[in-house]
Protein backbone atom coordinates (compact mmCIF):
# COMPACT_ATOMS: atom_id res chain seq x y z
CA MET A 1 98.00 -44.12 22.79
CA GLY A 2 96.76 -46.80 25.22
CA GLY A 3 95.34 -44.43 27.82
CA GLU A 4 94.38 -41.60 25.58
CA SER A 5 90.84 -40.66 24.81
CA THR A 6 89.36 -38.22 22.36
CA THR A 7 86.23 -36.15 22.63
CA ARG A 8 83.82 -34.44 20.25
CA THR A 9 83.16 -30.87 21.16
CA ALA A 10 80.41 -28.54 20.12
CA PRO A 11 81.43 -26.08 17.41
CA HIS A 12 81.94 -22.49 18.58
CA SER A 13 80.56 -19.40 16.96
CA GLY A 14 82.69 -16.66 18.47
CA GLY A 15 81.09 -16.98 21.93
CA THR A 16 77.94 -15.04 21.05
CA SER A 17 75.47 -17.89 20.46
CA THR A 18 73.13 -18.81 23.32
CA GLY A 19 71.50 -21.79 21.65
CA PRO A 20 70.63 -23.45 18.34
CA ALA A 21 69.36 -21.16 15.60
CA GLY A 22 66.11 -23.11 15.48
CA GLY A 23 65.58 -22.44 19.19
CA ARG A 24 66.14 -18.71 18.79
CA ILE A 25 63.72 -18.57 15.88
CA GLY A 26 61.17 -20.54 17.90
CA GLN A 27 61.46 -18.12 20.80
CA ARG A 28 60.95 -15.16 18.50
CA LEU A 29 57.93 -16.77 16.86
CA SER A 30 56.58 -17.62 20.30
CA GLY A 31 56.89 -13.96 21.34
CA VAL A 32 55.21 -12.78 18.16
CA GLY A 33 52.40 -15.30 18.69
CA ILE A 34 51.80 -14.16 22.27
CA ALA A 35 51.80 -10.47 21.26
CA LEU A 36 49.44 -11.08 18.35
CA GLY A 37 47.22 -13.26 20.51
CA LEU A 38 46.94 -10.58 23.18
CA VAL A 39 45.99 -7.99 20.57
CA MET A 40 43.30 -10.27 19.13
CA PHE A 41 42.01 -11.42 22.51
CA LEU A 42 41.78 -7.96 24.09
CA GLY A 43 40.69 -6.36 20.82
CA GLY A 44 37.85 -8.88 20.47
CA PHE A 45 36.64 -8.14 23.99
CA ALA A 46 36.88 -4.39 23.45
CA TRP A 47 35.06 -4.56 20.12
CA GLY A 48 32.33 -6.72 21.62
CA ALA A 49 31.93 -4.35 24.58
CA VAL A 50 31.47 -1.40 22.22
CA LEU A 51 28.97 -3.14 19.92
CA TYR A 52 27.01 -5.39 22.28
CA ARG A 53 25.13 -5.26 25.55
CA PRO A 54 24.14 -8.23 27.73
CA TYR A 55 20.54 -8.55 28.91
CA THR A 56 18.72 -11.03 31.10
CA VAL A 57 15.19 -11.71 29.87
CA PRO A 58 12.89 -11.93 32.91
CA THR A 59 9.77 -13.49 31.34
CA SER A 60 8.84 -16.36 29.03
CA SER A 61 6.99 -14.16 26.50
CA MET A 62 9.70 -14.89 23.87
CA SER A 63 9.74 -18.65 24.50
CA PRO A 64 10.97 -20.92 22.97
CA THR A 65 13.37 -18.51 21.21
CA ILE A 66 14.38 -16.98 24.54
CA ALA A 67 13.34 -18.54 27.84
CA ALA A 68 12.84 -16.74 31.15
CA GLY A 69 16.22 -16.08 32.75
CA ASP A 70 18.20 -16.49 29.52
CA ARG A 71 21.18 -14.19 29.00
CA VAL A 72 21.30 -12.59 25.54
CA LEU A 73 23.72 -10.37 23.63
CA ALA A 74 22.11 -7.50 21.75
CA GLN A 75 23.86 -5.27 19.24
CA ARG A 76 23.52 -1.53 19.77
CA VAL A 77 21.73 -0.27 16.66
CA ASP A 78 19.78 2.77 15.57
CA GLY A 79 16.02 2.32 15.34
CA ASP A 80 16.14 3.08 11.60
CA GLU A 81 18.13 -0.14 11.07
CA ILE A 82 15.38 -2.39 12.42
CA ARG A 83 13.62 -4.73 9.98
CA ARG A 84 10.65 -7.09 10.18
CA GLY A 85 11.45 -10.23 12.14
CA ASP A 86 14.09 -8.64 14.37
CA VAL A 87 14.03 -9.33 18.11
CA VAL A 88 14.65 -5.99 19.79
CA VAL A 89 15.21 -4.44 23.20
CA PHE A 90 13.26 -1.23 23.77
CA THR A 91 11.76 1.00 26.42
CA ASP A 92 8.29 2.55 26.31
CA LYS A 93 6.83 4.12 29.44
CA SER A 94 3.29 3.52 28.20
CA TRP A 95 4.08 -0.22 28.32
CA VAL A 96 6.33 -0.64 31.35
CA THR A 97 7.81 2.17 33.41
CA ASN A 98 11.62 2.24 33.52
CA ALA A 99 12.04 -1.31 32.24
CA GLU A 100 13.52 -2.80 29.09
CA VAL A 101 11.24 -5.04 27.01
CA VAL A 102 12.23 -7.76 24.51
CA LYS A 103 9.80 -8.51 21.65
CA ARG A 104 9.81 -9.39 17.94
CA VAL A 105 9.06 -6.76 15.29
CA VAL A 106 6.38 -8.09 12.93
CA ALA A 107 5.43 -4.89 11.09
CA VAL A 108 6.99 -1.48 10.41
CA GLY A 109 5.65 1.94 9.46
CA GLY A 110 3.17 1.78 6.58
CA ASP A 111 2.42 -1.95 7.03
CA THR A 112 -1.01 -3.37 7.71
CA VAL A 113 -0.96 -6.26 10.16
CA SER A 114 -3.73 -8.55 11.38
CA CYS A 115 -4.37 -11.96 12.82
CA CYS A 116 -5.28 -14.36 11.58
CA THR A 117 -5.68 -16.02 8.17
CA SER A 118 -5.63 -19.82 8.28
CA GLY A 119 -4.00 -19.53 11.69
CA LYS A 120 -1.18 -17.31 10.43
CA LEU A 121 -0.15 -13.73 11.05
CA THR A 122 -0.89 -11.54 8.01
CA VAL A 123 1.25 -8.56 7.02
CA ASN A 124 0.38 -6.52 3.92
CA GLY A 125 -1.94 -9.32 2.85
CA LYS A 126 0.77 -12.01 3.03
CA GLN A 127 0.61 -14.95 5.44
CA ILE A 128 3.81 -15.19 7.45
CA ASP A 129 5.47 -18.49 8.29
CA GLU A 130 6.77 -18.30 11.87
CA PRO A 131 8.77 -21.44 12.70
CA TYR A 132 10.01 -19.80 15.92
CA LEU A 133 6.56 -20.08 17.55
CA PRO A 134 6.08 -22.78 20.20
CA GLU A 135 5.48 -26.17 18.62
CA GLY A 136 1.82 -26.80 17.89
CA SER A 137 0.75 -23.21 18.65
CA LEU A 138 -1.18 -20.97 16.31
CA ALA A 139 -0.76 -17.27 15.73
CA GLU A 140 -4.55 -16.90 15.98
CA ILE A 141 -4.43 -17.07 19.78
CA THR A 142 -3.67 -13.35 19.57
CA ASN A 143 -6.55 -12.64 17.19
CA PHE A 144 -6.80 -8.89 16.56
CA PRO A 145 -8.23 -6.60 13.88
CA THR A 146 -6.21 -4.99 11.11
CA VAL A 147 -3.81 -2.28 12.29
CA THR A 148 -2.03 0.18 10.02
CA VAL A 149 1.33 1.00 11.57
CA PRO A 150 2.09 4.75 11.59
CA ALA A 151 5.31 5.98 9.97
CA GLY A 152 8.35 5.73 12.21
CA ARG A 153 6.76 3.12 14.47
CA LEU A 154 6.86 -0.66 15.00
CA PHE A 155 4.32 -3.37 15.82
CA LEU A 156 5.74 -6.05 18.14
CA LEU A 157 4.66 -9.48 19.36
CA GLY A 158 6.05 -12.08 21.73
CA ASP A 159 6.91 -15.51 20.29
CA GLU A 160 4.83 -17.03 23.09
CA ARG A 161 1.65 -15.30 21.94
CA GLN A 162 -0.63 -16.47 24.72
CA GLY A 163 -0.53 -13.93 27.51
CA SER A 164 2.35 -11.89 26.04
CA LEU A 165 2.03 -8.21 26.96
CA ASP A 166 2.90 -6.98 23.48
CA SER A 167 1.33 -4.60 20.95
CA THR A 168 -1.96 -6.51 21.13
CA ALA A 169 -2.30 -5.54 24.80
CA HIS A 170 -2.11 -1.84 23.90
CA LEU A 171 -4.38 -1.62 20.86
CA THR A 172 -6.64 0.92 22.59
CA ASP A 173 -3.74 3.34 23.08
CA ALA A 174 -3.49 6.37 20.81
CA ALA A 175 -0.54 4.73 19.01
CA LYS A 176 -2.57 1.48 18.41
CA GLY A 177 -0.05 -0.61 20.30
CA THR A 178 2.93 0.55 18.25
CA VAL A 179 6.30 1.68 19.54
CA ALA A 180 8.53 4.43 18.14
CA ARG A 181 11.66 3.29 16.31
CA THR A 182 13.62 5.69 18.52
CA ALA A 183 12.63 3.60 21.57
CA VAL A 184 14.74 0.68 20.30
CA GLN A 185 18.08 0.30 22.06
CA ALA A 186 19.46 -2.89 20.57
CA ARG A 187 18.80 -5.94 18.38
CA VAL A 188 19.25 -9.40 19.91
CA ASP A 189 21.78 -11.54 18.04
CA ALA A 190 22.32 -14.55 20.30
CA VAL A 191 21.43 -16.40 23.48
CA VAL A 192 24.73 -16.88 25.32
CA TRP A 193 23.47 -18.48 28.53
CA PRO A 194 22.55 -21.20 28.11
CA MET A 195 24.75 -21.34 24.99
CA ASN A 196 21.97 -21.65 22.40
CA GLY A 197 23.91 -19.56 19.90
CA MET A 198 22.74 -17.16 17.22
CA LEU A 199 19.03 -16.55 16.67
CA LYS A 200 17.66 -18.10 13.50
CA ARG A 201 16.91 -15.73 10.63
CA PRO A 202 13.16 -14.92 10.35
CA THR A 203 12.90 -16.03 6.73
CA GLY A 204 9.09 -15.83 6.75
CA PHE A 205 9.39 -12.04 6.33
CA GLU A 206 11.71 -12.14 3.29
CA ALA A 207 8.85 -11.74 0.83
CA LEU A 208 8.08 -8.33 2.37
CA GLY A 209 11.60 -6.90 2.05
CA ALA A 210 15.19 -7.26 3.13
CA LEU A 211 16.02 -8.76 6.51
CA SER A 212 18.62 -7.32 8.85
CA SER A 213 22.21 -8.32 8.13
CA PRO A 214 23.78 -10.47 10.85
CA GLY A 215 25.96 -8.56 13.30
CA PRO A 216 29.70 -9.28 13.71
CA LEU A 217 29.24 -11.41 16.83
CA ARG A 218 30.74 -14.53 15.22
CA LEU A 219 33.83 -12.56 14.21
CA VAL A 220 34.14 -11.13 17.72
CA PHE A 221 34.06 -14.64 19.22
CA ALA A 222 36.54 -15.88 16.60
CA LEU A 223 39.02 -13.13 17.52
CA ILE A 224 38.75 -13.96 21.22
CA VAL A 225 39.15 -17.72 20.70
CA VAL A 226 42.04 -17.48 18.21
CA GLY A 227 43.75 -14.90 20.41
CA ALA A 228 43.48 -17.17 23.44
CA VAL A 229 44.91 -20.12 21.46
CA LEU A 230 47.89 -18.03 20.29
CA VAL A 231 48.63 -16.78 23.83
CA LEU A 232 48.42 -20.28 25.32
CA GLY A 233 50.39 -21.83 22.47
CA GLY A 234 53.11 -19.19 22.63
CA GLY A 235 53.35 -19.49 26.39
CA ALA A 236 53.66 -23.26 26.18
CA TYR A 237 56.61 -23.09 23.75
CA GLY A 238 59.24 -22.40 26.45
CA PRO A 239 58.51 -25.43 28.66
CA PHE A 240 58.24 -27.76 25.66
CA ALA A 241 61.45 -26.39 24.13
CA LYS A 242 63.34 -27.04 27.37
CA LEU A 243 61.92 -30.55 27.51
CA PHE A 244 63.45 -31.39 24.14
CA SER A 245 66.54 -29.16 24.35
CA ARG A 246 68.94 -32.04 25.18
CA SER A 247 68.14 -33.86 21.99
CA SER A 248 68.71 -30.69 19.92
CA ARG A 249 72.15 -29.74 21.32
CA VAL A 250 75.55 -30.95 20.16
CA ARG A 251 77.04 -32.41 23.34
CA THR A 252 80.58 -33.38 24.29
CA GLU A 253 80.82 -37.15 24.59
CA PRO A 254 83.72 -39.64 24.97
CA VAL A 255 84.55 -41.74 21.93
CA GLY A 256 86.36 -44.42 23.91
CA ALA A 257 89.82 -45.37 25.12
CA ARG A 258 92.52 -46.66 22.76
């Protein structure tokens, strides 16, 4: 009566429940998110390590596409996959002993290449637009006679044509400055330090044939980023759930004296 009080108590479920159903579902989803995120994150790194190799470019011969000291990621590919316009990493002892070289492929086996017509590189009689060259420069600074590239070989130039030790510096060799396709180790996809991103497609060579298809580097990065977000998001669920747990529980509270 006068001194009595009543209380509201939380409903029981046989003593087996450890929290609201929504909380249990959230914990399970959090665990699934963390597990999936780890698979994506580690899988992305593993995939990237299998497909790509990092290189540091020591010279400015590929400037402005790649500056001296830039860190690039290059996809491991077979030399037969290389197309005109690709930037490749290769080794050739007749060029540099025991060192990797980075240059751009401008002609492949069977092509005739020369410089220059109206200041432009000419391949198979077609003038090539090269927007990747330094601003205001002309291809004709590497003026050279017509070369017919032997089968199975590549003709390579630096984007910074002046002073680049490329095919034009080896024209007197027996191979006329060309490099065997088998010497290619990888194709450069992106500059990652500084983070300049993916190399632009060399569309000036499209009239001569198909260009190389982009590698899966964007997908690799997407897997790593999404995986990291899932792991961090799943890990953050517990602390946030505890923060708001009081408002989601049915608590015992006095109704008042009568």
